[in-house]
Each structure stands twice: as structure tokens, then as C-alpha cells.
C-alpha atoms as a PDB file:
ATOM      1  CA  LYS A   1      -2.917 -11.343   9.587  1.00  0.00           C
ATOM      2  CA  GLN A   2      -3.626  -7.955   8.038  1.00  0.00           C
ATOM      3  CA  SER A   3      -6.204  -9.249   5.569  1.00  0.00           C
ATOM      4  CA  VAL A   4      -8.086 -11.091   8.327  1.00  0.00           C
ATOM      5  CA  THR A   5      -8.048  -7.993  10.517  1.00  0.00           C
ATOM      6  CA  LEU A   6      -9.312  -5.842   7.648  1.00  0.00           C
ATOM      7  CA  ALA A   7     -12.070  -8.349   6.823  1.00  0.00           C
ATOM      8  CA  MET A   8     -13.190  -8.471  10.451  1.00  0.00           C
ATOM      9  CA  TYR A   9     -13.192  -4.687  10.692  1.00  0.00           C
ATOM     10  CA  LEU A  10     -15.193  -4.193   7.493  1.00  0.00           C
ATOM     11  CA  SER A  11     -17.693  -6.932   8.321  1.00  0.00           C
ATOM     12  CA  ALA A  12     -18.450  -5.242  11.657  1.00  0.00           C
ATOM     13  CA  GLN A  13     -19.212  -1.873  10.029  1.00  0.00           C
ATOM     14  CA  THR A  14     -22.845  -0.882   9.551  1.00  0.00           C
ATOM     15  CA  VAL A  15     -24.597   1.884   7.627  1.00  0.00           C
ATOM     16  CA  THR A  16     -28.023   3.445   7.978  1.00  0.00           C
ATOM     17  CA  VAL A  17     -30.218   3.357   4.856  1.00  0.00           C
ATOM     18  CA  PRO A  18     -33.811   4.354   4.125  1.00  0.00           C
ATOM     19  CA  VAL A  19     -36.430   1.654   4.570  1.00  0.00           C
ATOM     20  CA  SER A  20     -38.321   0.613   1.445  1.00  0.00           C
ATOM     21  CA  GLY A  21     -42.063   0.935   1.262  1.00  0.00           C
ATOM     22  CA  PHE A  22     -44.482   2.919   3.401  1.00  0.00           C
ATOM     23  CA  TRP A  23     -42.127   3.675   6.314  1.00  0.00           C
ATOM     24  CA  GLY A  24     -39.320   4.710   4.003  1.00  0.00           C
ATOM     25  CA  PHE A  25     -41.619   7.274   2.440  1.00  0.00           C
ATOM     26  CA  PHE A  26     -42.002   8.869   5.867  1.00  0.00           C
ATOM     27  CA  GLY A  27     -38.287   8.867   6.662  1.00  0.00           C
ATOM     28  CA  GLY A  28     -37.840   5.480   8.341  1.00  0.00           C
ATOM     29  CA  THR A  29     -34.335   4.021   8.331  1.00  0.00           C
ATOM     30  CA  THR A  30     -32.698   0.710   9.083  1.00  0.00           C
ATOM     31  CA  THR A  31     -29.145  -0.456   9.761  1.00  0.00           C
ATOM     32  CA  ILE A  32     -27.475  -2.947   7.422  1.00  0.00           C
ATOM     33  CA  SER A  33     -23.973  -4.349   6.931  1.00  0.00           C
ATOM     34  CA  LEU A  34     -21.485  -2.290   4.932  1.00  0.00           C
ATOM     35  CA  PHE A  35     -20.902  -5.265   2.601  1.00  0.00           C
ATOM     36  CA  THR A  36     -24.634  -5.293   1.801  1.00  0.00           C
ATOM     37  CA  ALA A  37     -24.680  -1.587   0.991  1.00  0.00           C
ATOM     38  CA  GLN A  38     -21.366  -1.581  -0.916  1.00  0.00           C
ATOM     39  CA  PRO A  39     -20.906  -5.003  -2.573  1.00  0.00           C
ATOM     40  CA  TRP A  40     -17.870  -3.799  -4.576  1.00  0.00           C
ATOM     41  CA  LEU A  41     -15.856  -3.956  -1.334  1.00  0.00           C
ATOM     42  CA  VAL A  42     -15.828  -7.762  -1.393  1.00  0.00           C
ATOM     43  CA  PRO A  43     -13.704  -8.096  -4.585  1.00  0.00           C
ATOM     44  CA  ALA A  44     -11.433  -5.311  -3.330  1.00  0.00           C
ATOM     45  CA  LEU A  45     -10.934  -7.219  -0.082  1.00  0.00           C
ATOM     46  CA  VAL A  46     -10.169 -10.418  -1.995  1.00  0.00           C
ATOM     47  CA  GLY A  47      -7.704  -8.543  -4.201  1.00  0.00           C
ATOM     48  CA  GLY A  48      -5.961  -7.207  -1.111  1.00  0.00           C
ATOM     49  CA  GLY A  49      -5.741 -10.722   0.292  1.00  0.00           C
ATOM     50  CA  VAL A  50      -4.139 -11.966  -2.904  1.00  0.00           C
ATOM     51  CA  ILE A  51      -1.510  -9.229  -2.649  1.00  0.00           C
ATOM     52  CA  TYR A  52      -0.915  -9.876   1.068  1.00  0.00           C
ATOM     53  CA  VAL A  53      -0.324 -13.580   0.404  1.00  0.00           C
ATOM     54  CA  GLY A  54       1.109 -13.528  -3.123  1.00  0.00           C
ATOM     55  CA  LEU A  55       3.799 -10.915  -2.638  1.00  0.00           C
ATOM     56  CA  PRO A  56       5.669 -12.737   0.168  1.00  0.00           C
ATOM     57  CA  VAL A  57       5.431 -16.026  -1.747  1.00  0.00           C
ATOM     58  CA  MET A  58       6.923 -14.356  -4.818  1.00  0.00           C
ATOM     59  CA  MET A  59       9.724 -12.828  -2.746  1.00  0.00           C
ATOM     60  CA  LEU A  60      10.415 -16.214  -1.148  1.00  0.00           C
ATOM     61  CA  SER A  61      10.720 -17.945  -4.522  1.00  0.00           C
ATOM     62  CA  LYS A  62      13.154 -15.269  -5.758  1.00  0.00           C
ATOM     63  CA  ALA A  63      15.247 -15.559  -2.600  1.00  0.00           C
ATOM     64  CA  LYS A  64      15.260 -19.354  -2.889  1.00  0.00           C
ATOM     65  CA  GLY A  65      16.802 -19.146  -6.374  1.00  0.00           C
ATOM     66  CA  ARG A  66      19.433 -16.666  -5.228  1.00  0.00           C
ATOM     67  CA  TRP A  67      20.240 -18.758  -2.171  1.00  0.00           C
ATOM     68  CA  ALA A  68      20.757 -21.861  -4.333  1.00  0.00           C
ATOM     69  CA  ASP A  69      23.375 -19.982  -6.385  1.00  0.00           C
ATOM     70  CA  THR A  70      25.104 -18.670  -3.261  1.00  0.00           C
ATOM     71  CA  GLU A  71      25.060 -22.116  -1.653  1.00  0.00           C
ATOM     72  CA  LYS A  72      26.667 -23.664  -4.730  1.00  0.00           C
ATOM     73  CA  LYS A  73      29.417 -21.015  -4.747  1.00  0.00           C
ATOM     74  CA  LEU A  74      30.098 -21.520  -1.037  1.00  0.00           C
ATOM     75  CA  ASN A  75      30.229 -25.313  -1.377  1.00  0.00           C
ATOM     76  CA  ASP A  76      32.562 -25.124  -4.383  1.00  0.00           C
ATOM     77  CA  ALA A  77      34.860 -22.704  -2.545  1.00  0.00           C
ATOM     78  CA  PHE A  78      34.905 -24.863   0.586  1.00  0.00           C
ATOM     79  CA  TRP A  79      35.663 -28.190  -1.146  1.00  0.00           C
ATOM     80  CA  SER A  80      38.269 -26.888  -3.604  1.00  0.00           C
END
């Protein structure tokens, strides 16, 4: 949810840059997407998405192992 919200926010951002050519020489500007002006943001956004998804999955796998041990102890205590 957070990574999608961040991606939508960043994709909607625009920046004003000088126009190339004749009109740029005289101070003309145009508006382009932030991702076009700063392409290094795309890998940073992907890296954030990996953390947003990977961290909970890692925590879930750790908890699953701990729960299996606890479940075994509880079952052994109940049936003995």
C-alpha cells in the first residue's frame, strides 16, 4: 500500500526545465515528469518496494518457525 502510494505520488510530480534549441536559448521552459528529469528515482522506488514487501515476508517466515516449536511443545504437554 505504501509503495503504490509513493509511486503514484512521484509519478504525478512535474518539474520545469529549459527547452532545447532556439527557444531554450531565449529562456523558454517546458514541464516534464519527475521520473524523466531524475531517472535514478526509479531504482530507489523499486528498492523501497522490495523492502516493503520483503521485510514482512521475512518476519512471517521467522514467526512460522517459532510457532511450529511452540505448537509442538503445547501438543506434547496436552497429550502427556
